[in-house]
Amino acid sequence: MALDLDEVFSTAMEGLPKVLDLMATVPAAKRAIAWSAAEQGYARTALRLGYSDRDANQWASAVRCLLEIAFVARERASQEQ
């Protein structure tokens, strides 16, 4: 039985700090590739959980957007210190 999408999304959000830490180690020139890889990984996870291609891709895209926003916010905060 597939997990509730809200539960899966919440679990993914709990892992954001680790993903952001890893993304900070990626050279800026390679970051677009890393963002795409992360998004694809989230989509594969959703597919394995039984979600449709459409739902999996929408969810993965939302996670990627949140990651990128959090990453920029973290970078700006560290520059202001």
C-alpha atoms as a PDB file:
ATOM      1  CA  MET A   1       0.000   0.000   0.000  1.00  0.00           C
ATOM      2  CA  ALA A   2       1.351   3.417  -0.987  1.00  0.00           C
ATOM      3  CA  LEU A   3       2.011   5.981   1.673  1.00  0.00           C
ATOM      4  CA  ASP A   4      -0.138   9.084   1.833  1.00  0.00           C
ATOM      5  CA  LEU A   5       1.410  11.729  -0.419  1.00  0.00           C
ATOM      6  CA  ASP A   6       1.332  14.270   2.412  1.00  0.00           C
ATOM      7  CA  GLU A   7       3.308  11.851   4.598  1.00  0.00           C
ATOM      8  CA  VAL A   8       5.871  11.228   1.860  1.00  0.00           C
ATOM      9  CA  PHE A   9       6.160  14.959   1.222  1.00  0.00           C
ATOM     10  CA  SER A  10       6.647  15.642   4.938  1.00  0.00           C
ATOM     11  CA  THR A  11       9.366  12.995   5.148  1.00  0.00           C
ATOM     12  CA  ALA A  12      11.127  14.521   2.161  1.00  0.00           C
ATOM     13  CA  MET A  13      10.995  17.937   3.808  1.00  0.00           C
ATOM     14  CA  GLU A  14      12.678  16.523   6.916  1.00  0.00           C
ATOM     15  CA  GLY A  15      15.615  15.515   4.694  1.00  0.00           C
ATOM     16  CA  LEU A  16      16.052  18.975   3.177  1.00  0.00           C
ATOM     17  CA  PRO A  17      18.937  20.028   5.443  1.00  0.00           C
ATOM     18  CA  LYS A  18      21.027  17.032   4.335  1.00  0.00           C
ATOM     19  CA  VAL A  19      20.314  17.690   0.669  1.00  0.00           C
ATOM     20  CA  LEU A  20      21.173  21.360   1.126  1.00  0.00           C
ATOM     21  CA  ASP A  21      24.445  20.437   2.847  1.00  0.00           C
ATOM     22  CA  LEU A  22      25.340  18.167  -0.071  1.00  0.00           C
ATOM     23  CA  MET A  23      24.343  20.777  -2.639  1.00  0.00           C
ATOM     24  CA  ALA A  24      26.662  23.289  -0.987  1.00  0.00           C
ATOM     25  CA  THR A  25      29.587  20.990  -1.833  1.00  0.00           C
ATOM     26  CA  VAL A  26      28.709  20.966  -5.543  1.00  0.00           C
ATOM     27  CA  PRO A  27      30.557  23.534  -7.662  1.00  0.00           C
ATOM     28  CA  ALA A  28      28.195  26.263  -8.883  1.00  0.00           C
ATOM     29  CA  ALA A  29      28.826  25.295 -12.512  1.00  0.00           C
ATOM     30  CA  LYS A  30      27.547  21.766 -11.840  1.00  0.00           C
ATOM     31  CA  ARG A  31      24.628  22.682  -9.594  1.00  0.00           C
ATOM     32  CA  ALA A  32      21.958  22.595 -12.334  1.00  0.00           C
ATOM     33  CA  ILE A  33      22.873  18.970 -12.995  1.00  0.00           C
ATOM     34  CA  ALA A  34      22.711  18.209  -9.279  1.00  0.00           C
ATOM     35  CA  TRP A  35      19.274  19.867  -8.965  1.00  0.00           C
ATOM     36  CA  SER A  36      18.004  17.774 -11.877  1.00  0.00           C
ATOM     37  CA  ALA A  37      19.425  14.603 -10.362  1.00  0.00           C
ATOM     38  CA  ALA A  38      17.746  15.354  -7.046  1.00  0.00           C
ATOM     39  CA  GLU A  39      14.429  16.000  -8.781  1.00  0.00           C
ATOM     40  CA  GLN A  40      14.698  12.745 -10.734  1.00  0.00           C
ATOM     41  CA  GLY A  41      15.458  10.885  -7.524  1.00  0.00           C
ATOM     42  CA  TYR A  42      12.375  12.278  -5.822  1.00  0.00           C
ATOM     43  CA  ALA A  43      10.252  11.373  -8.879  1.00  0.00           C
ATOM     44  CA  ARG A  44      11.580   7.794  -8.873  1.00  0.00           C
ATOM     45  CA  THR A  45      10.762   7.493  -5.189  1.00  0.00           C
ATOM     46  CA  ALA A  46       7.193   8.654  -5.776  1.00  0.00           C
ATOM     47  CA  LEU A  47       6.818   6.238  -8.695  1.00  0.00           C
ATOM     48  CA  ARG A  48       8.041   3.364  -6.526  1.00  0.00           C
ATOM     49  CA  LEU A  49       5.451   4.343  -3.947  1.00  0.00           C
ATOM     50  CA  GLY A  50       2.754   3.843  -6.558  1.00  0.00           C
ATOM     51  CA  TYR A  51       2.010   7.357  -7.689  1.00  0.00           C
ATOM     52  CA  SER A  52       1.224   8.160 -11.323  1.00  0.00           C
ATOM     53  CA  ASP A  53       3.882   9.718 -13.545  1.00  0.00           C
ATOM     54  CA  ARG A  54       2.035  13.029 -13.431  1.00  0.00           C
ATOM     55  CA  ASP A  55       1.742  13.109  -9.638  1.00  0.00           C
ATOM     56  CA  ALA A  56       5.312  11.909  -9.147  1.00  0.00           C
ATOM     57  CA  ASN A  57       6.700  14.563 -11.460  1.00  0.00           C
ATOM     58  CA  GLN A  58       4.615  17.338  -9.925  1.00  0.00           C
ATOM     59  CA  TRP A  59       5.703  16.337  -6.439  1.00  0.00           C
ATOM     60  CA  ALA A  60       9.363  16.090  -7.444  1.00  0.00           C
ATOM     61  CA  SER A  61       9.177  19.478  -9.102  1.00  0.00           C
ATOM     62  CA  ALA A  62       7.685  20.992  -5.948  1.00  0.00           C
ATOM     63  CA  VAL A  63      10.449  19.461  -3.824  1.00  0.00           C
ATOM     64  CA  ARG A  64      13.089  20.822  -6.193  1.00  0.00           C
ATOM     65  CA  CYS A  65      11.570  24.317  -6.016  1.00  0.00           C
ATOM     66  CA  LEU A  66      11.567  24.200  -2.225  1.00  0.00           C
ATOM     67  CA  LEU A  67      15.167  22.977  -2.235  1.00  0.00           C
ATOM     68  CA  GLU A  68      16.312  25.763  -4.512  1.00  0.00           C
ATOM     69  CA  ILE A  69      14.498  28.423  -2.485  1.00  0.00           C
ATOM     70  CA  ALA A  70      15.941  27.061   0.762  1.00  0.00           C
ATOM     71  CA  PHE A  71      19.414  26.912  -0.779  1.00  0.00           C
ATOM     72  CA  VAL A  72      19.316  30.541  -1.911  1.00  0.00           C
ATOM     73  CA  ALA A  73      17.955  31.637   1.466  1.00  0.00           C
ATOM     74  CA  ARG A  74      20.711  29.744   3.262  1.00  0.00           C
ATOM     75  CA  GLU A  75      23.409  31.234   1.024  1.00  0.00           C
ATOM     76  CA  ARG A  76      22.101  34.766   1.562  1.00  0.00           C
ATOM     77  CA  ALA A  77      21.882  34.272   5.307  1.00  0.00           C
ATOM     78  CA  SER A  78      25.470  33.041   5.457  1.00  0.00           C
ATOM     79  CA  GLN A  79      26.666  36.032   3.383  1.00  0.00           C
ATOM     80  CA  GLU A  80      24.969  38.452   5.773  1.00  0.00           C
ATOM     81  CA  GLN A  81      26.782  37.049   8.800  1.00  0.00           C
END
